[in-house]
Amino acid sequence: MNLNIVLFQPEIPQNTGNIGRTCVLTDSTLHLIKPLGFSIDDRQVKRSGLDYWPYLKLEIHESYEELRAKYKDATFYFATTKGKKYYNEVNFKQGDFIVFGRESSGLPDYIRNDNAENLIKLPMLQTSTRSLNLSNSVAIIAYEALRQMDFPNMK
């Protein structure tokens, strides 16, 4: 396993399908934190993941707290537009967790406040739009982390 990609209460099945496909092709595990805005059996999720979905390492967690309790010794980073550090300013290592918030509202305040030192962001123009698409953000940050690790098991 290279990375752990965490989606906090994802809402759009196509994003989750695309992110699942990225996880399969990067040997990463996808963690979904409930409640989900769709059924995991939704054909749109599977269509986005195409034939990759059966190969996905997937864990579903009842809550954020359950995830943290299960992986209490792991390093967690939190992707948010409210981060102070850019994603390329941290030193990722194999097994790290990168947490992404809901498409509509991002990560809740309590998660950001409890993890202020590990908030990371993507550089973007300050416009009226909120942020990049979730699946694009996951791909950008995941590939930077993998680049730092010299693309383990991917050459």
N, C-alpha and C. Protein backbone atom coordinates (compact mmCIF):
# COMPACT_ATOMS: atom_id res chain seq x y z
N MET A 1 0.85 -1.19 0.00
CA MET A 1 0.00 0.00 0.00
C MET A 1 0.88 1.24 0.00
N ASN A 2 0.55 2.17 -0.87
CA ASN A 2 1.30 3.41 -0.94
C ASN A 2 0.69 4.50 -0.06
N LEU A 3 -0.57 4.83 -0.32
CA LEU A 3 -1.25 5.90 0.40
C LEU A 3 -2.63 5.44 0.83
N ASN A 4 -3.21 6.22 1.72
CA ASN A 4 -4.59 6.06 2.12
C ASN A 4 -5.32 7.34 1.75
N ILE A 5 -6.27 7.23 0.87
CA ILE A 5 -7.08 8.38 0.45
C ILE A 5 -8.41 8.28 1.19
N VAL A 6 -8.76 9.33 1.91
CA VAL A 6 -9.97 9.34 2.73
C VAL A 6 -10.95 10.38 2.18
N LEU A 7 -12.19 9.95 1.95
CA LEU A 7 -13.25 10.87 1.56
C LEU A 7 -14.23 10.99 2.71
N PHE A 8 -14.32 12.18 3.27
CA PHE A 8 -15.23 12.45 4.37
C PHE A 8 -16.61 12.73 3.81
N GLN A 9 -17.53 11.81 4.04
CA GLN A 9 -18.93 11.95 3.64
C GLN A 9 -19.09 12.41 2.19
N PRO A 10 -18.53 11.65 1.24
CA PRO A 10 -18.63 12.05 -0.17
C PRO A 10 -20.08 12.08 -0.64
N GLU A 11 -20.35 12.96 -1.59
CA GLU A 11 -21.72 13.20 -2.04
C GLU A 11 -21.98 12.82 -3.49
N ILE A 12 -20.94 12.82 -4.32
CA ILE A 12 -21.13 12.64 -5.76
C ILE A 12 -20.51 11.31 -6.19
N PRO A 13 -21.35 10.37 -6.65
CA PRO A 13 -20.82 9.03 -6.97
C PRO A 13 -19.75 9.02 -8.05
N GLN A 14 -19.87 9.89 -9.04
CA GLN A 14 -18.87 9.90 -10.12
C GLN A 14 -17.49 10.27 -9.59
N ASN A 15 -17.42 11.22 -8.65
CA ASN A 15 -16.12 11.57 -8.06
C ASN A 15 -15.53 10.37 -7.34
N THR A 16 -16.34 9.69 -6.55
CA THR A 16 -15.84 8.54 -5.81
C THR A 16 -15.38 7.45 -6.76
N GLY A 17 -16.10 7.22 -7.85
CA GLY A 17 -15.68 6.24 -8.85
C GLY A 17 -14.34 6.60 -9.47
N ASN A 18 -14.18 7.85 -9.84
CA ASN A 18 -12.91 8.30 -10.43
C ASN A 18 -11.77 8.19 -9.43
N ILE A 19 -12.02 8.54 -8.18
CA ILE A 19 -10.99 8.46 -7.15
C ILE A 19 -10.64 6.99 -6.89
N GLY A 20 -11.64 6.13 -6.92
CA GLY A 20 -11.37 4.70 -6.77
C GLY A 20 -10.44 4.19 -7.85
N ARG A 21 -10.66 4.63 -9.06
CA ARG A 21 -9.80 4.23 -10.18
C ARG A 21 -8.36 4.72 -9.95
N THR A 22 -8.22 5.94 -9.49
CA THR A 22 -6.88 6.46 -9.17
C THR A 22 -6.23 5.61 -8.08
N CYS A 23 -7.00 5.23 -7.08
CA CYS A 23 -6.45 4.42 -5.99
C CYS A 23 -5.97 3.06 -6.49
N VAL A 24 -6.75 2.41 -7.36
CA VAL A 24 -6.34 1.12 -7.90
C VAL A 24 -5.02 1.26 -8.64
N LEU A 25 -4.90 2.28 -9.46
CA LEU A 25 -3.71 2.43 -10.32
C LEU A 25 -2.50 2.99 -9.59
N THR A 26 -2.67 3.37 -8.32
CA THR A 26 -1.53 3.87 -7.53
C THR A 26 -1.28 3.00 -6.30
N ASP A 27 -1.95 1.84 -6.22
CA ASP A 27 -1.82 0.94 -5.08
C ASP A 27 -2.13 1.64 -3.76
N SER A 28 -3.19 2.44 -3.78
CA SER A 28 -3.62 3.17 -2.58
C SER A 28 -4.95 2.59 -2.11
N THR A 29 -5.23 2.78 -0.83
CA THR A 29 -6.49 2.33 -0.26
C THR A 29 -7.44 3.51 -0.18
N LEU A 30 -8.69 3.28 -0.55
CA LEU A 30 -9.72 4.31 -0.46
C LEU A 30 -10.55 4.05 0.80
N HIS A 31 -10.67 5.08 1.63
CA HIS A 31 -11.48 5.03 2.85
C HIS A 31 -12.65 5.99 2.67
N LEU A 32 -13.86 5.49 2.91
CA LEU A 32 -15.05 6.33 2.84
C LEU A 32 -15.64 6.44 4.24
N ILE A 33 -15.92 7.68 4.65
CA ILE A 33 -16.52 7.93 5.95
C ILE A 33 -17.99 8.25 5.75
N LYS A 34 -18.85 7.49 6.42
CA LYS A 34 -20.30 7.68 6.33
C LYS A 34 -20.74 8.94 7.06
N PRO A 35 -21.92 9.46 6.70
CA PRO A 35 -22.84 8.94 5.70
C PRO A 35 -22.38 9.29 4.29
N LEU A 36 -22.68 8.39 3.36
CA LEU A 36 -22.38 8.61 1.96
C LEU A 36 -23.60 9.21 1.30
N GLY A 37 -23.40 10.04 0.30
CA GLY A 37 -24.50 10.67 -0.41
C GLY A 37 -25.08 9.81 -1.51
N PHE A 38 -24.73 8.52 -1.53
CA PHE A 38 -25.14 7.59 -2.57
C PHE A 38 -24.92 6.18 -2.05
N SER A 39 -25.45 5.21 -2.75
CA SER A 39 -25.21 3.81 -2.43
C SER A 39 -23.89 3.39 -3.05
N ILE A 40 -23.11 2.64 -2.32
CA ILE A 40 -21.83 2.17 -2.85
C ILE A 40 -22.03 1.24 -4.05
N ASP A 41 -23.22 0.69 -4.18
CA ASP A 41 -23.54 -0.16 -5.33
C ASP A 41 -24.07 0.64 -6.50
N ASP A 42 -24.14 1.95 -6.34
CA ASP A 42 -24.68 2.83 -7.38
C ASP A 42 -23.96 2.58 -8.70
N ARG A 43 -24.72 2.41 -9.77
CA ARG A 43 -24.10 2.14 -11.07
C ARG A 43 -23.22 3.29 -11.52
N GLN A 44 -23.50 4.52 -11.08
CA GLN A 44 -22.66 5.66 -11.46
C GLN A 44 -21.27 5.56 -10.84
N VAL A 45 -21.19 5.04 -9.61
CA VAL A 45 -19.89 4.82 -8.98
C VAL A 45 -19.11 3.80 -9.79
N LYS A 46 -19.74 2.71 -10.06
CA LYS A 46 -19.06 1.64 -10.79
C LYS A 46 -18.73 2.03 -12.22
N ARG A 47 -19.61 2.80 -12.87
CA ARG A 47 -19.34 3.24 -14.23
C ARG A 47 -18.10 4.14 -14.25
N SER A 48 -17.99 5.02 -13.27
CA SER A 48 -16.83 5.91 -13.20
C SER A 48 -15.55 5.13 -12.94
N GLY A 49 -15.66 4.07 -12.15
CA GLY A 49 -14.50 3.24 -11.87
C GLY A 49 -14.26 2.17 -12.91
N LEU A 50 -15.22 2.07 -13.86
CA LEU A 50 -15.15 1.08 -14.94
C LEU A 50 -14.87 -0.31 -14.38
N ASP A 51 -13.99 -1.03 -15.01
CA ASP A 51 -13.71 -2.39 -14.55
C ASP A 51 -12.65 -2.43 -13.44
N TYR A 52 -12.27 -1.27 -12.94
CA TYR A 52 -11.28 -1.22 -11.87
C TYR A 52 -11.88 -1.47 -10.49
N TRP A 53 -13.18 -1.23 -10.34
CA TRP A 53 -13.82 -1.26 -9.01
C TRP A 53 -13.58 -2.58 -8.26
N PRO A 54 -13.62 -3.75 -8.91
CA PRO A 54 -13.38 -5.00 -8.17
C PRO A 54 -11.97 -5.11 -7.57
N TYR A 55 -11.03 -4.31 -8.08
CA TYR A 55 -9.65 -4.37 -7.60
C TYR A 55 -9.35 -3.32 -6.53
N LEU A 56 -10.33 -2.53 -6.20
CA LEU A 56 -10.15 -1.43 -5.25
C LEU A 56 -10.01 -1.95 -3.83
N LYS A 57 -8.99 -1.47 -3.13
CA LYS A 57 -8.88 -1.70 -1.68
C LYS A 57 -9.74 -0.63 -1.03
N LEU A 58 -10.85 -1.05 -0.46
CA LEU A 58 -11.85 -0.13 0.05
C LEU A 58 -12.17 -0.43 1.50
N GLU A 59 -12.20 0.61 2.32
CA GLU A 59 -12.66 0.50 3.70
C GLU A 59 -13.74 1.55 3.90
N ILE A 60 -14.81 1.14 4.54
CA ILE A 60 -15.90 2.06 4.86
C ILE A 60 -15.98 2.20 6.37
N HIS A 61 -16.01 3.43 6.84
CA HIS A 61 -15.99 3.73 8.27
C HIS A 61 -17.29 4.42 8.66
N GLU A 62 -17.80 4.06 9.81
CA GLU A 62 -19.04 4.65 10.32
C GLU A 62 -18.87 6.12 10.67
N SER A 63 -17.64 6.51 11.06
CA SER A 63 -17.39 7.89 11.48
C SER A 63 -15.91 8.22 11.33
N TYR A 64 -15.62 9.50 11.37
CA TYR A 64 -14.24 9.98 11.36
C TYR A 64 -13.51 9.46 12.60
N GLU A 65 -14.19 9.47 13.73
CA GLU A 65 -13.58 9.02 14.99
C GLU A 65 -13.20 7.54 14.92
N GLU A 66 -14.04 6.74 14.26
CA GLU A 66 -13.72 5.31 14.10
C GLU A 66 -12.45 5.14 13.27
N LEU A 67 -12.34 5.88 12.19
CA LEU A 67 -11.13 5.82 11.36
C LEU A 67 -9.89 6.18 12.17
N ARG A 68 -9.95 7.27 12.90
CA ARG A 68 -8.78 7.71 13.68
C ARG A 68 -8.41 6.73 14.77
N ALA A 69 -9.41 6.11 15.39
CA ALA A 69 -9.13 5.12 16.44
C ALA A 69 -8.45 3.89 15.84
N LYS A 70 -8.88 3.48 14.67
CA LYS A 70 -8.31 2.29 14.03
C LYS A 70 -6.86 2.53 13.60
N TYR A 71 -6.54 3.75 13.19
CA TYR A 71 -5.20 4.09 12.69
C TYR A 71 -4.57 5.18 13.55
N LYS A 72 -4.57 4.97 14.86
CA LYS A 72 -4.15 6.02 15.79
C LYS A 72 -2.68 6.43 15.67
N ASP A 73 -1.84 5.57 15.14
CA ASP A 73 -0.42 5.91 15.02
C ASP A 73 -0.03 6.43 13.65
N ALA A 74 -0.98 6.55 12.75
CA ALA A 74 -0.69 6.98 11.39
C ALA A 74 -0.60 8.51 11.29
N THR A 75 0.03 8.97 10.22
CA THR A 75 0.10 10.41 9.93
C THR A 75 -1.06 10.77 9.01
N PHE A 76 -1.78 11.81 9.38
CA PHE A 76 -2.93 12.29 8.61
C PHE A 76 -2.66 13.70 8.11
N TYR A 77 -2.99 13.94 6.86
CA TYR A 77 -2.99 15.28 6.28
C TYR A 77 -4.41 15.57 5.82
N PHE A 78 -4.77 16.84 5.81
CA PHE A 78 -6.15 17.26 5.53
C PHE A 78 -6.15 18.32 4.44
N ALA A 79 -6.71 17.97 3.29
CA ALA A 79 -6.75 18.88 2.15
C ALA A 79 -7.94 19.82 2.32
N THR A 80 -7.64 21.12 2.33
CA THR A 80 -8.67 22.13 2.54
C THR A 80 -8.22 23.46 1.95
N THR A 81 -9.15 24.22 1.45
CA THR A 81 -8.81 25.56 0.95
C THR A 81 -8.36 26.46 2.09
N LYS A 82 -8.59 26.07 3.33
CA LYS A 82 -8.21 26.86 4.50
C LYS A 82 -6.84 26.49 5.06
N GLY A 83 -6.11 25.63 4.36
CA GLY A 83 -4.78 25.24 4.81
C GLY A 83 -3.79 26.38 4.68
N LYS A 84 -2.73 26.33 5.47
CA LYS A 84 -1.67 27.34 5.42
C LYS A 84 -0.50 26.87 4.55
N LYS A 85 -0.28 25.57 4.49
CA LYS A 85 0.83 25.00 3.72
C LYS A 85 0.33 24.46 2.39
N TYR A 86 1.15 24.58 1.37
CA TYR A 86 0.84 23.94 0.11
C TYR A 86 1.16 22.45 0.22
N TYR A 87 0.45 21.67 -0.56
CA TYR A 87 0.57 20.21 -0.51
C TYR A 87 1.99 19.72 -0.77
N ASN A 88 2.78 20.46 -1.53
CA ASN A 88 4.14 20.04 -1.84
C ASN A 88 5.15 20.46 -0.78
N GLU A 89 4.68 21.08 0.30
CA GLU A 89 5.58 21.52 1.37
C GLU A 89 5.64 20.53 2.53
N VAL A 90 4.95 19.40 2.41
CA VAL A 90 5.03 18.37 3.44
C VAL A 90 5.79 17.18 2.89
N ASN A 91 6.31 16.36 3.77
CA ASN A 91 7.07 15.18 3.37
C ASN A 91 6.21 13.94 3.56
N PHE A 92 5.60 13.50 2.47
CA PHE A 92 4.74 12.33 2.51
C PHE A 92 5.58 11.06 2.59
N LYS A 93 5.01 10.05 3.23
CA LYS A 93 5.65 8.74 3.27
C LYS A 93 4.60 7.66 3.07
N GLN A 94 5.06 6.46 2.75
CA GLN A 94 4.13 5.36 2.51
C GLN A 94 3.25 5.15 3.73
N GLY A 95 1.97 4.91 3.48
CA GLY A 95 1.02 4.66 4.55
C GLY A 95 0.33 5.90 5.09
N ASP A 96 0.76 7.09 4.66
CA ASP A 96 0.10 8.31 5.13
C ASP A 96 -1.35 8.35 4.67
N PHE A 97 -2.16 9.09 5.43
CA PHE A 97 -3.57 9.30 5.10
C PHE A 97 -3.75 10.74 4.62
N ILE A 98 -4.47 10.91 3.53
CA ILE A 98 -4.81 12.25 3.04
C ILE A 98 -6.33 12.32 3.01
N VAL A 99 -6.88 13.24 3.80
CA VAL A 99 -8.32 13.35 4.00
C VAL A 99 -8.87 14.50 3.18
N PHE A 100 -9.96 14.23 2.47
CA PHE A 100 -10.63 15.23 1.65
C PHE A 100 -12.07 15.36 2.13
N GLY A 101 -12.59 16.59 2.12
CA GLY A 101 -13.93 16.85 2.63
C GLY A 101 -15.02 16.67 1.59
N ARG A 102 -16.23 16.94 2.02
CA ARG A 102 -17.41 16.86 1.16
C ARG A 102 -17.28 17.82 -0.01
N GLU A 103 -17.88 17.44 -1.13
CA GLU A 103 -17.84 18.31 -2.31
C GLU A 103 -18.52 19.65 -2.04
N SER A 104 -19.59 19.67 -1.28
CA SER A 104 -20.35 20.90 -1.07
C SER A 104 -19.81 21.79 0.03
N SER A 105 -19.15 21.20 1.03
CA SER A 105 -18.77 22.03 2.19
C SER A 105 -17.39 21.76 2.76
N GLY A 106 -16.64 20.86 2.18
CA GLY A 106 -15.29 20.59 2.67
C GLY A 106 -15.28 19.85 3.99
N LEU A 107 -14.21 20.06 4.75
CA LEU A 107 -14.07 19.41 6.05
C LEU A 107 -14.72 20.28 7.13
N PRO A 108 -15.35 19.64 8.11
CA PRO A 108 -15.96 20.43 9.18
C PRO A 108 -14.92 21.13 10.05
N ASP A 109 -15.36 22.19 10.71
CA ASP A 109 -14.47 22.99 11.57
C ASP A 109 -13.75 22.15 12.60
N TYR A 110 -14.45 21.22 13.25
CA TYR A 110 -13.82 20.46 14.34
C TYR A 110 -12.63 19.64 13.85
N ILE A 111 -12.70 19.12 12.63
CA ILE A 111 -11.57 18.36 12.09
C ILE A 111 -10.42 19.31 11.76
N ARG A 112 -10.73 20.41 11.10
CA ARG A 112 -9.68 21.39 10.76
C ARG A 112 -9.04 21.95 12.02
N ASN A 113 -9.83 22.29 13.01
CA ASN A 113 -9.29 22.88 14.25
C ASN A 113 -8.39 21.91 15.01
N ASP A 114 -8.76 20.63 15.03
CA ASP A 114 -7.97 19.63 15.75
C ASP A 114 -6.71 19.21 15.01
N ASN A 115 -6.57 19.60 13.77
CA ASN A 115 -5.44 19.16 12.95
C ASN A 115 -4.77 20.32 12.21
N ALA A 116 -4.78 21.47 12.81
CA ALA A 116 -4.32 22.70 12.14
C ALA A 116 -2.91 22.58 11.56
N GLU A 117 -2.03 21.84 12.21
CA GLU A 117 -0.65 21.73 11.74
C GLU A 117 -0.51 20.84 10.51
N ASN A 118 -1.54 20.06 10.19
CA ASN A 118 -1.47 19.17 9.04
C ASN A 118 -2.48 19.50 7.95
N LEU A 119 -2.91 20.75 7.90
CA LEU A 119 -3.80 21.20 6.83
C LEU A 119 -2.95 21.56 5.61
N ILE A 120 -3.35 21.06 4.46
CA ILE A 120 -2.62 21.36 3.22
C ILE A 120 -3.61 21.87 2.18
N LYS A 121 -3.09 22.62 1.23
CA LYS A 121 -3.96 23.19 0.19
C LYS A 121 -3.29 23.14 -1.17
N LEU A 122 -4.11 23.29 -2.19
CA LEU A 122 -3.65 23.45 -3.57
C LEU A 122 -3.65 24.94 -3.89
N PRO A 123 -2.65 25.43 -4.61
CA PRO A 123 -2.68 26.83 -5.01
C PRO A 123 -3.75 27.05 -6.08
N MET A 124 -4.55 28.10 -5.89
CA MET A 124 -5.61 28.44 -6.84
C MET A 124 -5.79 29.95 -6.86
N LEU A 125 -6.26 30.45 -7.97
CA LEU A 125 -6.66 31.85 -8.03
C LEU A 125 -7.84 32.07 -7.09
N GLN A 126 -7.90 33.22 -6.48
CA GLN A 126 -9.03 33.55 -5.62
C GLN A 126 -10.13 34.13 -6.51
N THR A 127 -11.11 33.31 -6.80
CA THR A 127 -12.22 33.73 -7.66
C THR A 127 -13.52 33.39 -6.95
N SER A 128 -14.61 33.54 -7.65
CA SER A 128 -15.90 33.23 -7.06
C SER A 128 -16.16 31.73 -6.98
N THR A 129 -15.36 30.91 -7.69
CA THR A 129 -15.54 29.46 -7.58
C THR A 129 -14.85 28.97 -6.32
N ARG A 130 -15.32 27.88 -5.80
CA ARG A 130 -14.81 27.40 -4.51
C ARG A 130 -13.47 26.70 -4.62
N SER A 131 -13.40 25.67 -5.44
CA SER A 131 -12.17 24.89 -5.53
C SER A 131 -12.22 23.96 -6.74
N LEU A 132 -11.14 23.25 -6.94
CA LEU A 132 -11.08 22.26 -8.02
C LEU A 132 -12.05 21.12 -7.72
N ASN A 133 -12.38 20.36 -8.74
CA ASN A 133 -13.17 19.16 -8.56
C ASN A 133 -12.44 18.21 -7.62
N LEU A 134 -13.20 17.51 -6.79
CA LEU A 134 -12.61 16.62 -5.79
C LEU A 134 -11.69 15.57 -6.41
N SER A 135 -12.13 14.91 -7.47
CA SER A 135 -11.29 13.86 -8.04
C SER A 135 -9.99 14.44 -8.63
N ASN A 136 -10.03 15.66 -9.16
CA ASN A 136 -8.81 16.31 -9.64
C ASN A 136 -7.88 16.62 -8.48
N SER A 137 -8.43 17.12 -7.39
CA SER A 137 -7.61 17.46 -6.21
C SER A 137 -6.93 16.22 -5.65
N VAL A 138 -7.67 15.12 -5.55
CA VAL A 138 -7.09 13.87 -5.06
C VAL A 138 -5.93 13.45 -5.95
N ALA A 139 -6.13 13.46 -7.25
CA ALA A 139 -5.09 13.03 -8.18
C ALA A 139 -3.83 13.89 -8.06
N ILE A 140 -4.00 15.20 -7.99
CA ILE A 140 -2.84 16.10 -7.90
C ILE A 140 -2.04 15.82 -6.64
N ILE A 141 -2.70 15.76 -5.51
CA ILE A 141 -1.99 15.57 -4.24
C ILE A 141 -1.43 14.15 -4.13
N ALA A 142 -2.18 13.15 -4.55
CA ALA A 142 -1.68 11.78 -4.49
C ALA A 142 -0.42 11.61 -5.33
N TYR A 143 -0.42 12.16 -6.52
CA TYR A 143 0.76 12.00 -7.37
C TYR A 143 1.96 12.78 -6.86
N GLU A 144 1.76 13.89 -6.18
CA GLU A 144 2.89 14.57 -5.54
C GLU A 144 3.45 13.70 -4.43
N ALA A 145 2.56 13.12 -3.62
CA ALA A 145 3.03 12.24 -2.54
C ALA A 145 3.81 11.06 -3.12
N LEU A 146 3.29 10.45 -4.17
CA LEU A 146 3.96 9.32 -4.81
C LEU A 146 5.28 9.74 -5.44
N ARG A 147 5.32 10.92 -6.02
CA ARG A 147 6.58 11.43 -6.59
C ARG A 147 7.64 11.53 -5.49
N GLN A 148 7.25 12.05 -4.32
CA GLN A 148 8.19 12.18 -3.22
C GLN A 148 8.72 10.80 -2.77
N MET A 149 7.91 9.76 -2.94
CA MET A 149 8.30 8.40 -2.56
C MET A 149 8.96 7.65 -3.71
N ASP A 150 9.24 8.36 -4.80
CA ASP A 150 9.85 7.78 -6.01
C ASP A 150 8.94 6.73 -6.65
N PHE A 151 7.63 6.99 -6.65
CA PHE A 151 6.63 6.14 -7.29
C PHE A 151 6.82 4.66 -6.96
N PRO A 152 6.66 4.29 -5.68
CA PRO A 152 6.89 2.91 -5.27
C PRO A 152 5.97 1.93 -5.99
N ASN A 153 6.54 0.82 -6.42
CA ASN A 153 5.81 -0.27 -7.08
C ASN A 153 5.13 0.17 -8.38
N MET A 154 5.50 1.31 -8.93
CA MET A 154 4.77 1.84 -10.09
C MET A 154 5.66 1.91 -11.34
N LYS A 155 6.89 1.53 -11.26
CA LYS A 155 7.77 1.68 -12.41
C LYS A 155 7.80 0.44 -13.25
